[in-house]
Amino acid sequence: MKRMLDKEQLIKYNLLTYLEKNKSVSYEELEDELHLSRKTLKKYLLLLIDDLNEFESNAFIYPSLHNVTFKYGFEFSAQELMSRFIVSSLRYKILEYALYHSNNNKLNFIQKENISESTYYRLLKDVNDTILTSFKIKINSNLTLIGDEHQIRYFYYTLYNEINLKETFEIDFHYYDELSPLLSLLENTFNVSLAAINKEQFQVLYHICKTRNFQGHKMTITIEMKKITRNNRILELVLEKTEHYFEHLIGETWKEDLTFFLYHFK
């Protein structure tokens, strides 16, 4: 998900991963590797030190006269720090805004992020061209998601799972304990034991579907989903067993949503 990073964040991430790999590096080597001047390199080192002070308690950068040394503990994760970079980027913020604000207004977003209208339109084009185009969806000028509903839901499911920083999501994972009986039923039917991360992925998918349904967006079962899920006795059995329970959770679109879930967990 490096494409989600702003230019400044990408430089910091590349600097961090290079230091993580090499531990102690000369300024000259960093300048050559990152194509930065000495002045710019020192600027980003200071910014990265600030980030580590804010987000990490066991990772430290020590600049000296000729070298930069990076020391970190066992629990340090460059991937987690990148996730934090991502959620603070304008690219992520506009994507999140488009999902959660059904009565979207570009002026609200512009004011909230304190950006100019020209910056807003450049950002919108960038997100559509570099991130959303592969999913065949887009955000229009008033921050409304356009495209196949299945693709919209699948994009956000992919986005959240790749970021993998659940405290940033507008999801109360404790609240979704209501899914436990359904997850248990799926485990028993398929004779598997779902790992905690798989259960969280299911909760993310459920949250996205519930959010979109509440906003009035309906999804139809695609031909591809029908190919995978129809004429499959186990999946049909799951649909039969969960009909009443899932209809209570989701509403009248339960069959489309559950088929969507099973398709992505196939």
C-alpha atoms as a PDB file:
ATOM      1  CA  MET A   1       0.000   0.000   0.000  1.00  0.00           C
ATOM      2  CA  LYS A   2       2.966   2.339  -0.484  1.00  0.00           C
ATOM      3  CA  ARG A   3       0.944   4.065  -3.199  1.00  0.00           C
ATOM      4  CA  MET A   4      -1.261   5.438  -0.423  1.00  0.00           C
ATOM      5  CA  LEU A   5       1.596   7.471   1.026  1.00  0.00           C
ATOM      6  CA  ASP A   6       2.108  11.161   0.340  1.00  0.00           C
ATOM      7  CA  LYS A   7       5.506  12.158  -1.083  1.00  0.00           C
ATOM      8  CA  GLU A   8       6.853  13.226   2.313  1.00  0.00           C
ATOM      9  CA  GLN A   9       5.620  10.067   4.006  1.00  0.00           C
ATOM     10  CA  LEU A  10       7.102   7.869   1.291  1.00  0.00           C
ATOM     11  CA  ILE A  11      10.526   9.456   1.810  1.00  0.00           C
ATOM     12  CA  LYS A  12      10.263   8.844   5.557  1.00  0.00           C
ATOM     13  CA  TYR A  13       9.208   5.241   5.004  1.00  0.00           C
ATOM     14  CA  ASN A  14      12.074   4.542   2.570  1.00  0.00           C
ATOM     15  CA  LEU A  15      14.488   6.142   5.027  1.00  0.00           C
ATOM     16  CA  LEU A  16      13.112   4.042   7.883  1.00  0.00           C
ATOM     17  CA  THR A  17      13.282   0.722   6.030  1.00  0.00           C
ATOM     18  CA  TYR A  18      16.823   1.404   4.847  1.00  0.00           C
ATOM     19  CA  LEU A  19      17.935   2.193   8.385  1.00  0.00           C
ATOM     20  CA  GLU A  20      16.113  -0.892   9.677  1.00  0.00           C
ATOM     21  CA  LYS A  21      17.965  -3.058   7.178  1.00  0.00           C
ATOM     22  CA  ASN A  22      21.430  -1.562   7.660  1.00  0.00           C
ATOM     23  CA  LYS A  23      21.375  -0.396  11.320  1.00  0.00           C
ATOM     24  CA  SER A  24      24.211   2.150  10.923  1.00  0.00           C
ATOM     25  CA  VAL A  25      24.698   4.120   7.701  1.00  0.00           C
ATOM     26  CA  SER A  26      26.782   7.070   6.579  1.00  0.00           C
ATOM     27  CA  TYR A  27      25.114  10.268   5.434  1.00  0.00           C
ATOM     28  CA  GLU A  28      26.675   9.814   1.995  1.00  0.00           C
ATOM     29  CA  GLU A  29      25.151   6.365   1.582  1.00  0.00           C
ATOM     30  CA  LEU A  30      21.710   7.621   2.599  1.00  0.00           C
ATOM     31  CA  GLU A  31      21.989  10.570   0.208  1.00  0.00           C
ATOM     32  CA  ASP A  32      22.837   8.230  -2.681  1.00  0.00           C
ATOM     33  CA  GLU A  33      20.171   5.682  -1.793  1.00  0.00           C
ATOM     34  CA  LEU A  34      17.323   8.183  -1.343  1.00  0.00           C
ATOM     35  CA  HIS A  35      18.523  10.810  -3.836  1.00  0.00           C
ATOM     36  CA  LEU A  36      18.397  13.570  -1.246  1.00  0.00           C
ATOM     37  CA  SER A  37      20.649  16.501  -0.456  1.00  0.00           C
ATOM     38  CA  ARG A  38      22.314  16.600   2.975  1.00  0.00           C
ATOM     39  CA  LYS A  39      19.994  19.389   4.090  1.00  0.00           C
ATOM     40  CA  THR A  40      16.860  17.534   2.963  1.00  0.00           C
ATOM     41  CA  LEU A  41      18.083  14.275   4.480  1.00  0.00           C
ATOM     42  CA  LYS A  42      18.569  15.901   7.876  1.00  0.00           C
ATOM     43  CA  LYS A  43      15.093  17.424   7.622  1.00  0.00           C
ATOM     44  CA  TYR A  44      13.507  14.002   7.098  1.00  0.00           C
ATOM     45  CA  LEU A  45      15.598  12.418   9.831  1.00  0.00           C
ATOM     46  CA  LEU A  46      14.203  14.954  12.282  1.00  0.00           C
ATOM     47  CA  LEU A  47      10.647  14.313  11.040  1.00  0.00           C
ATOM     48  CA  LEU A  48      11.137  10.569  11.387  1.00  0.00           C
ATOM     49  CA  ILE A  49      12.564  10.985  14.894  1.00  0.00           C
ATOM     50  CA  ASP A  50       9.410  12.937  15.813  1.00  0.00           C
ATOM     51  CA  ASP A  51       7.232  10.135  14.432  1.00  0.00           C
ATOM     52  CA  LEU A  52       9.112   7.494  16.398  1.00  0.00           C
ATOM     53  CA  ASN A  53       8.796   9.565  19.559  1.00  0.00           C
ATOM     54  CA  GLU A  54       5.044   9.780  18.995  1.00  0.00           C
ATOM     55  CA  PHE A  55       4.270   6.215  17.910  1.00  0.00           C
ATOM     56  CA  GLU A  56       7.130   3.987  19.065  1.00  0.00           C
ATOM     57  CA  SER A  57       8.535   3.551  22.543  1.00  0.00           C
ATOM     58  CA  ASN A  58      11.293   1.097  21.588  1.00  0.00           C
ATOM     59  CA  ALA A  59      12.834   2.515  18.380  1.00  0.00           C
ATOM     60  CA  PHE A  60      15.426   5.290  18.253  1.00  0.00           C
ATOM     61  CA  ILE A  61      17.498   7.118  15.635  1.00  0.00           C
ATOM     62  CA  TYR A  62      20.888   8.478  16.693  1.00  0.00           C
ATOM     63  CA  PRO A  63      22.464  10.931  14.221  1.00  0.00           C
ATOM     64  CA  SER A  64      26.188  11.511  14.774  1.00  0.00           C
ATOM     65  CA  LEU A  65      28.788  13.557  12.923  1.00  0.00           C
ATOM     66  CA  HIS A  66      29.291  11.045  10.100  1.00  0.00           C
ATOM     67  CA  ASN A  67      26.677   8.301  10.548  1.00  0.00           C
ATOM     68  CA  VAL A  68      23.084   7.595  11.445  1.00  0.00           C
ATOM     69  CA  THR A  69      22.385   4.649  13.762  1.00  0.00           C
ATOM     70  CA  PHE A  70      19.012   2.975  14.210  1.00  0.00           C
ATOM     71  CA  LYS A  71      18.242   0.849  17.264  1.00  0.00           C
ATOM     72  CA  TYR A  72      14.931  -0.869  17.928  1.00  0.00           C
ATOM     73  CA  GLY A  73      13.361  -3.481  20.135  1.00  0.00           C
ATOM     74  CA  PHE A  74      11.814  -6.820  19.272  1.00  0.00           C
ATOM     75  CA  GLU A  75       8.282  -5.418  18.978  1.00  0.00           C
ATOM     76  CA  PHE A  76       9.140  -2.680  16.476  1.00  0.00           C
ATOM     77  CA  SER A  77       7.333  -2.932  13.122  1.00  0.00           C
ATOM     78  CA  ALA A  78       8.102  -0.693  10.150  1.00  0.00           C
ATOM     79  CA  GLN A  79       4.873  -1.966   8.577  1.00  0.00           C
ATOM     80  CA  GLU A  80       2.819  -0.693  11.507  1.00  0.00           C
ATOM     81  CA  LEU A  81       4.501   2.699  11.314  1.00  0.00           C
ATOM     82  CA  MET A  82       3.753   2.819   7.580  1.00  0.00           C
ATOM     83  CA  SER A  83       0.107   2.125   8.405  1.00  0.00           C
ATOM     84  CA  ARG A  84       0.133   5.145  10.691  1.00  0.00           C
ATOM     85  CA  PHE A  85       1.679   7.213   7.894  1.00  0.00           C
ATOM     86  CA  ILE A  86      -1.091   6.044   5.577  1.00  0.00           C
ATOM     87  CA  VAL A  87      -4.005   6.953   7.838  1.00  0.00           C
ATOM     88  CA  SER A  88      -2.607  10.465   8.240  1.00  0.00           C
ATOM     89  CA  SER A  89      -2.334  10.947   4.462  1.00  0.00           C
ATOM     90  CA  LEU A  90      -4.850  12.953   2.437  1.00  0.00           C
ATOM     91  CA  ARG A  91      -5.311   9.983   0.111  1.00  0.00           C
ATOM     92  CA  TYR A  92      -6.560   7.833   2.961  1.00  0.00           C
ATOM     93  CA  LYS A  93      -8.639  10.622   4.487  1.00  0.00           C
ATOM     94  CA  ILE A  94     -10.568  11.277   1.273  1.00  0.00           C
ATOM     95  CA  LEU A  95     -11.238   7.544   0.849  1.00  0.00           C
ATOM     96  CA  GLU A  96     -12.476   7.218   4.422  1.00  0.00           C
ATOM     97  CA  TYR A  97     -14.607  10.345   4.085  1.00  0.00           C
ATOM     98  CA  ALA A  98     -16.267   8.974   0.950  1.00  0.00           C
ATOM     99  CA  LEU A  99     -17.202   5.746   2.761  1.00  0.00           C
ATOM    100  CA  TYR A 100     -18.596   7.156   5.994  1.00  0.00           C
ATOM    101  CA  HIS A 101     -20.345  10.347   4.906  1.00  0.00           C
ATOM    102  CA  SER A 102     -23.430   9.468   2.900  1.00  0.00           C
ATOM    103  CA  ASN A 103     -24.432  13.127   2.453  1.00  0.00           C
ATOM    104  CA  ASN A 104     -21.050  14.118   1.111  1.00  0.00           C
ATOM    105  CA  ASN A 105     -20.032  17.697   0.508  1.00  0.00           C
ATOM    106  CA  LYS A 106     -16.638  18.597  -0.903  1.00  0.00           C
ATOM    107  CA  LEU A 107     -16.591  21.931   0.945  1.00  0.00           C
ATOM    108  CA  ASN A 108     -16.842  20.135   4.282  1.00  0.00           C
ATOM    109  CA  PHE A 109     -13.833  18.003   3.404  1.00  0.00           C
ATOM    110  CA  ILE A 110     -11.852  20.989   2.088  1.00  0.00           C
ATOM    111  CA  GLN A 111     -12.516  22.922   5.292  1.00  0.00           C
ATOM    112  CA  LYS A 112     -11.853  19.930   7.531  1.00  0.00           C
ATOM    113  CA  GLU A 113      -8.441  19.282   5.966  1.00  0.00           C
ATOM    114  CA  ASN A 114      -7.643  22.959   5.402  1.00  0.00           C
ATOM    115  CA  ILE A 115      -6.729  22.549   1.732  1.00  0.00           C
ATOM    116  CA  SER A 116      -7.450  24.641  -1.345  1.00  0.00           C
ATOM    117  CA  GLU A 117     -10.023  23.664  -3.950  1.00  0.00           C
ATOM    118  CA  SER A 118      -7.267  23.142  -6.532  1.00  0.00           C
ATOM    119  CA  THR A 119      -5.456  20.783  -4.127  1.00  0.00           C
ATOM    120  CA  TYR A 120      -8.737  18.941  -3.580  1.00  0.00           C
ATOM    121  CA  TYR A 121      -9.234  18.324  -7.312  1.00  0.00           C
ATOM    122  CA  ARG A 122      -5.612  17.202  -7.773  1.00  0.00           C
ATOM    123  CA  LEU A 123      -6.028  14.818  -4.839  1.00  0.00           C
ATOM    124  CA  LEU A 124      -9.290  13.450  -6.216  1.00  0.00           C
ATOM    125  CA  LYS A 125      -7.772  12.805  -9.654  1.00  0.00           C
ATOM    126  CA  ASP A 126      -4.713  11.194  -8.088  1.00  0.00           C
ATOM    127  CA  VAL A 127      -6.797   8.818  -5.953  1.00  0.00           C
ATOM    128  CA  ASN A 128      -9.047   7.867  -8.870  1.00  0.00           C
ATOM    129  CA  ASP A 129      -6.166   7.322 -11.296  1.00  0.00           C
ATOM    130  CA  THR A 130      -3.658   5.543  -9.052  1.00  0.00           C
ATOM    131  CA  ILE A 131      -5.737   3.701  -6.437  1.00  0.00           C
ATOM    132  CA  LEU A 132      -9.338   3.153  -7.485  1.00  0.00           C
ATOM    133  CA  THR A 133      -8.976   2.545 -11.224  1.00  0.00           C
ATOM    134  CA  SER A 134      -7.850  -1.096 -10.766  1.00  0.00           C
ATOM    135  CA  PHE A 135     -11.100  -1.766  -8.871  1.00  0.00           C
ATOM    136  CA  LYS A 136     -13.141  -0.066 -11.616  1.00  0.00           C
ATOM    137  CA  ILE A 137     -14.641   2.417  -9.177  1.00  0.00           C
ATOM    138  CA  LYS A 138     -14.143   6.147  -8.575  1.00  0.00           C
ATOM    139  CA  ILE A 139     -15.103   9.072  -6.375  1.00  0.00           C
ATOM    140  CA  ASN A 140     -16.947  11.900  -8.108  1.00  0.00           C
ATOM    141  CA  SER A 141     -16.359  15.602  -7.485  1.00  0.00           C
ATOM    142  CA  ASN A 142     -18.826  15.639  -4.581  1.00  0.00           C
ATOM    143  CA  LEU A 143     -17.184  12.675  -2.830  1.00  0.00           C
ATOM    144  CA  THR A 144     -19.727  10.040  -3.822  1.00  0.00           C
ATOM    145  CA  LEU A 145     -18.491   6.533  -4.612  1.00  0.00           C
ATOM    146  CA  ILE A 146     -19.342   5.452  -8.156  1.00  0.00           C
ATOM    147  CA  GLY A 147     -19.151   1.913  -9.498  1.00  0.00           C
ATOM    148  CA  ASP A 148     -20.296  -1.644  -8.903  1.00  0.00           C
ATOM    149  CA  GLU A 149     -21.333  -2.041  -5.268  1.00  0.00           C
ATOM    150  CA  HIS A 150     -19.483  -5.337  -4.972  1.00  0.00           C
ATOM    151  CA  GLN A 151     -16.252  -3.648  -6.086  1.00  0.00           C
ATOM    152  CA  ILE A 152     -16.725  -0.714  -3.689  1.00  0.00           C
ATOM    153  CA  ARG A 153     -17.115  -3.058  -0.721  1.00  0.00           C
ATOM    154  CA  TYR A 154     -14.239  -5.251  -1.826  1.00  0.00           C
ATOM    155  CA  PHE A 155     -11.923  -2.245  -2.215  1.00  0.00           C
ATOM    156  CA  TYR A 156     -12.502  -1.064   1.372  1.00  0.00           C
ATOM    157  CA  TYR A 157     -12.143  -4.612   2.670  1.00  0.00           C
ATOM    158  CA  THR A 158      -8.770  -4.825   0.897  1.00  0.00           C
ATOM    159  CA  LEU A 159      -7.724  -1.379   2.097  1.00  0.00           C
ATOM    160  CA  TYR A 160      -8.464  -2.078   5.767  1.00  0.00           C
ATOM    161  CA  ASN A 161      -6.819  -5.485   5.712  1.00  0.00           C
ATOM    162  CA  GLU A 162      -3.654  -4.172   4.078  1.00  0.00           C
ATOM    163  CA  ILE A 163      -3.366  -1.326   6.570  1.00  0.00           C
ATOM    164  CA  ASN A 164      -4.049  -3.744   9.445  1.00  0.00           C
ATOM    165  CA  LEU A 165      -4.262  -1.065  12.127  1.00  0.00           C
ATOM    166  CA  LYS A 166      -7.678  -1.721  13.575  1.00  0.00           C
ATOM    167  CA  GLU A 167      -7.664   1.109  16.126  1.00  0.00           C
ATOM    168  CA  THR A 168      -7.870   3.562  13.215  1.00  0.00           C
ATOM    169  CA  PHE A 169     -11.110   2.069  11.857  1.00  0.00           C
ATOM    170  CA  GLU A 170     -14.540   3.314  12.839  1.00  0.00           C
ATOM    171  CA  ILE A 171     -15.254  -0.191  14.123  1.00  0.00           C
ATOM    172  CA  ASP A 172     -15.997  -1.286  17.669  1.00  0.00           C
ATOM    173  CA  PHE A 173     -14.670  -4.844  17.589  1.00  0.00           C
ATOM    174  CA  HIS A 174     -16.245  -5.626  20.979  1.00  0.00           C
ATOM    175  CA  TYR A 175     -19.643  -4.645  19.618  1.00  0.00           C
ATOM    176  CA  TYR A 176     -19.304  -7.253  16.891  1.00  0.00           C
ATOM    177  CA  ASP A 177     -19.341 -10.071  19.409  1.00  0.00           C
ATOM    178  CA  GLU A 178     -22.838 -10.525  17.973  1.00  0.00           C
ATOM    179  CA  LEU A 179     -21.077 -12.277  15.082  1.00  0.00           C
ATOM    180  CA  SER A 180     -19.642 -14.996  17.331  1.00  0.00           C
ATOM    181  CA  PRO A 181     -22.520 -17.496  16.870  1.00  0.00           C
ATOM    182  CA  LEU A 182     -22.348 -17.085  13.102  1.00  0.00           C
ATOM    183  CA  LEU A 183     -18.570 -17.564  13.066  1.00  0.00           C
ATOM    184  CA  SER A 184     -18.941 -20.666  15.219  1.00  0.00           C
ATOM    185  CA  LEU A 185     -21.532 -22.028  12.801  1.00  0.00           C
ATOM    186  CA  LEU A 186     -19.172 -21.459   9.873  1.00  0.00           C
ATOM    187  CA  GLU A 187     -16.337 -23.195  11.742  1.00  0.00           C
ATOM    188  CA  ASN A 188     -18.516 -26.214  12.483  1.00  0.00           C
ATOM    189  CA  THR A 189     -19.903 -26.420   8.948  1.00  0.00           C
ATOM    190  CA  PHE A 190     -16.486 -26.240   7.299  1.00  0.00           C
ATOM    191  CA  ASN A 191     -14.779 -28.180  10.114  1.00  0.00           C
ATOM    192  CA  VAL A 192     -12.123 -25.488  10.540  1.00  0.00           C
ATOM    193  CA  SER A 193     -10.881 -23.238  13.309  1.00  0.00           C
ATOM    194  CA  LEU A 194     -10.720 -19.578  12.295  1.00  0.00           C
ATOM    195  CA  ALA A 195      -7.694 -17.655  13.534  1.00  0.00           C
ATOM    196  CA  ALA A 196      -8.270 -14.360  15.358  1.00  0.00           C
ATOM    197  CA  ILE A 197      -7.109 -12.398  12.320  1.00  0.00           C
ATOM    198  CA  ASN A 198      -9.653 -14.212  10.100  1.00  0.00           C
ATOM    199  CA  LYS A 199     -12.433 -13.342  12.521  1.00  0.00           C
ATOM    200  CA  GLU A 200     -11.377  -9.703  12.477  1.00  0.00           C
ATOM    201  CA  GLN A 201     -11.362  -9.759   8.659  1.00  0.00           C
ATOM    202  CA  PHE A 202     -14.905 -11.099   8.730  1.00  0.00           C
ATOM    203  CA  GLN A 203     -15.886  -8.317  11.137  1.00  0.00           C
ATOM    204  CA  VAL A 204     -14.349  -5.685   8.836  1.00  0.00           C
ATOM    205  CA  LEU A 205     -16.291  -7.068   5.886  1.00  0.00           C
ATOM    206  CA  TYR A 206     -19.489  -7.165   7.938  1.00  0.00           C
ATOM    207  CA  HIS A 207     -18.928  -3.577   9.077  1.00  0.00           C
ATOM    208  CA  ILE A 208     -18.446  -2.333   5.509  1.00  0.00           C
ATOM    209  CA  CYS A 209     -21.574  -4.108   4.293  1.00  0.00           C
ATOM    210  CA  LYS A 210     -23.640  -2.841   7.201  1.00  0.00           C
ATOM    211  CA  THR A 211     -22.386   0.718   6.637  1.00  0.00           C
ATOM    212  CA  ARG A 212     -23.241   0.673   2.939  1.00  0.00           C
ATOM    213  CA  ASN A 213     -26.623  -0.996   3.545  1.00  0.00           C
ATOM    214  CA  PHE A 214     -27.536   1.620   6.163  1.00  0.00           C
ATOM    215  CA  GLN A 215     -26.772   4.346   3.602  1.00  0.00           C
ATOM    216  CA  GLY A 216     -29.197   2.716   1.154  1.00  0.00           C
ATOM    217  CA  HIS A 217     -26.693   1.075  -1.190  1.00  0.00           C
ATOM    218  CA  LYS A 218     -27.781  -2.376  -2.352  1.00  0.00           C
ATOM    219  CA  MET A 219     -25.616  -5.119  -3.806  1.00  0.00           C
ATOM    220  CA  THR A 220     -26.523  -7.791  -6.309  1.00  0.00           C
ATOM    221  CA  ILE A 221     -24.828 -11.173  -6.584  1.00  0.00           C
ATOM    222  CA  THR A 222     -22.399 -11.121  -9.513  1.00  0.00           C
ATOM    223  CA  ILE A 223     -22.091 -13.880 -12.118  1.00  0.00           C
ATOM    224  CA  GLU A 224     -18.636 -14.728 -10.768  1.00  0.00           C
ATOM    225  CA  MET A 225     -19.994 -15.097  -7.234  1.00  0.00           C
ATOM    226  CA  LYS A 226     -22.764 -17.350  -8.533  1.00  0.00           C
ATOM    227  CA  LYS A 227     -20.197 -19.579 -10.267  1.00  0.00           C
ATOM    228  CA  ILE A 228     -18.291 -20.068  -7.016  1.00  0.00           C
ATOM    229  CA  THR A 229     -21.143 -20.307  -4.540  1.00  0.00           C
ATOM    230  CA  ARG A 230     -23.979 -21.958  -6.456  1.00  0.00           C
ATOM    231  CA  ASN A 231     -24.052 -25.735  -6.988  1.00  0.00           C
ATOM    232  CA  ASN A 232     -21.776 -26.012  -3.975  1.00  0.00           C
ATOM    233  CA  ARG A 233     -23.559 -28.124  -1.396  1.00  0.00           C
ATOM    234  CA  ILE A 234     -21.485 -26.893   1.568  1.00  0.00           C
ATOM    235  CA  LEU A 235     -22.074 -23.236   0.761  1.00  0.00           C
ATOM    236  CA  GLU A 236     -25.765 -23.860   0.133  1.00  0.00           C
ATOM    237  CA  LEU A 237     -25.923 -25.559   3.521  1.00  0.00           C
ATOM    238  CA  VAL A 238     -24.348 -22.507   5.165  1.00  0.00           C
ATOM    239  CA  LEU A 239     -26.896 -20.238   3.488  1.00  0.00           C
ATOM    240  CA  GLU A 240     -29.733 -22.454   4.701  1.00  0.00           C
ATOM    241  CA  LYS A 241     -28.451 -22.665   8.278  1.00  0.00           C
ATOM    242  CA  THR A 242     -27.749 -18.959   8.611  1.00  0.00           C
ATOM    243  CA  GLU A 243     -30.794 -17.535   6.851  1.00  0.00           C
ATOM    244  CA  HIS A 244     -32.751 -16.508   9.948  1.00  0.00           C
ATOM    245  CA  TYR A 245     -29.700 -15.446  11.949  1.00  0.00           C
ATOM    246  CA  PHE A 246     -28.047 -13.391   9.223  1.00  0.00           C
ATOM    247  CA  GLU A 247     -31.306 -11.779   8.154  1.00  0.00           C
ATOM    248  CA  HIS A 248     -31.640 -10.537  11.743  1.00  0.00           C
ATOM    249  CA  LEU A 249     -28.144  -8.971  11.608  1.00  0.00           C
ATOM    250  CA  ILE A 250     -28.149  -7.477   8.116  1.00  0.00           C
ATOM    251  CA  GLY A 251     -31.752  -7.195   7.036  1.00  0.00           C
ATOM    252  CA  GLU A 252     -33.377  -8.030   3.733  1.00  0.00           C
ATOM    253  CA  THR A 253     -30.048  -8.067   1.853  1.00  0.00           C
ATOM    254  CA  TRP A 254     -28.686 -10.911   4.012  1.00  0.00           C
ATOM    255  CA  LYS A 255     -28.410 -13.433   1.158  1.00  0.00           C
ATOM    256  CA  GLU A 256     -26.438 -11.078  -1.104  1.00  0.00           C
ATOM    257  CA  ASP A 257     -24.139 -10.053   1.727  1.00  0.00           C
ATOM    258  CA  LEU A 258     -23.500 -13.567   3.002  1.00  0.00           C
ATOM    259  CA  THR A 259     -22.795 -14.777  -0.540  1.00  0.00           C
ATOM    260  CA  PHE A 260     -20.360 -11.870  -0.841  1.00  0.00           C
ATOM    261  CA  PHE A 261     -18.705 -12.913   2.448  1.00  0.00           C
ATOM    262  CA  LEU A 262     -18.390 -16.565   1.470  1.00  0.00           C
ATOM    263  CA  TYR A 263     -17.054 -15.625  -1.959  1.00  0.00           C
ATOM    264  CA  HIS A 264     -14.169 -13.679  -0.419  1.00  0.00           C
ATOM    265  CA  PHE A 265     -13.497 -16.368   2.174  1.00  0.00           C
ATOM    266  CA  LYS A 266     -13.556 -19.196  -0.369  1.00  0.00           C
END
